[in-house]
Amino acid sequence: MTFSTYQLPHALATAVSLWIAVSVLRRRSVPGATEFAIAMVAVGCWSATSALEWGAPSLQVVMSWMRLQFVAIAAIPVLWFTFASKFSGHHDWIAGRRAWTLWVIPIITVLLVWTYEYHGLMLGPHVYDPTIPYSGIRHSYGPWFWVHSLYSYGLVGYGTVLLIAGLARVPHFYRWQIA
């Protein structure tokens, strides 16, 4: 494993994310706090595996770290949307079976990442290219990557809209907590 200065921001992001998770868990009674804390742990895992990926000595090790990253990458949008729904008072949107259906695309995504060599639906071939700055890895993506991306950005965007819309219903004194 080699050291790169690009690992430092990832290490800092890991520490900050985990600190936020611990801080939020102290206020578990707040709607959505548990989901937000778990999301912060996932962000920390994503950052940590990204830092390890930067120092990986070979393409094979890079791809191993990428596989682990996608567990967090796929989970974060669902956790964010769940947090935003609960925090903004829309508990009923994610009750019962609806909550589990939010996880279908992330689960498929993780399975496709872990088996990409056999089908190329999520990731295409990755090759080492020393002309590429930073990592030297040329990434390519399959058609499911775009399904996953659209779904993920949709959940994050809609969750963010729920939080912003919640500003209008909250007394002025508490708006700083959401902003």
Foldseek 3Di string as FASTA:
>chain_A
DAADPVLVVLQVLLVVLQVVLVVLVVVVVQFLSNLSSVLSNLSSLLSNLVSVLLGDPDPVSNLVSVLSNLLSVLSNLLSLLNSLCRNLPNNVCCPDPNVVVLCPLSVVQSVCSVVCVVPQQAWDDKDAAVVDPRRSIDTGTHVSVVVSVVSSVVSNVVSLVSLVVSLVVDPPVCSVVSD
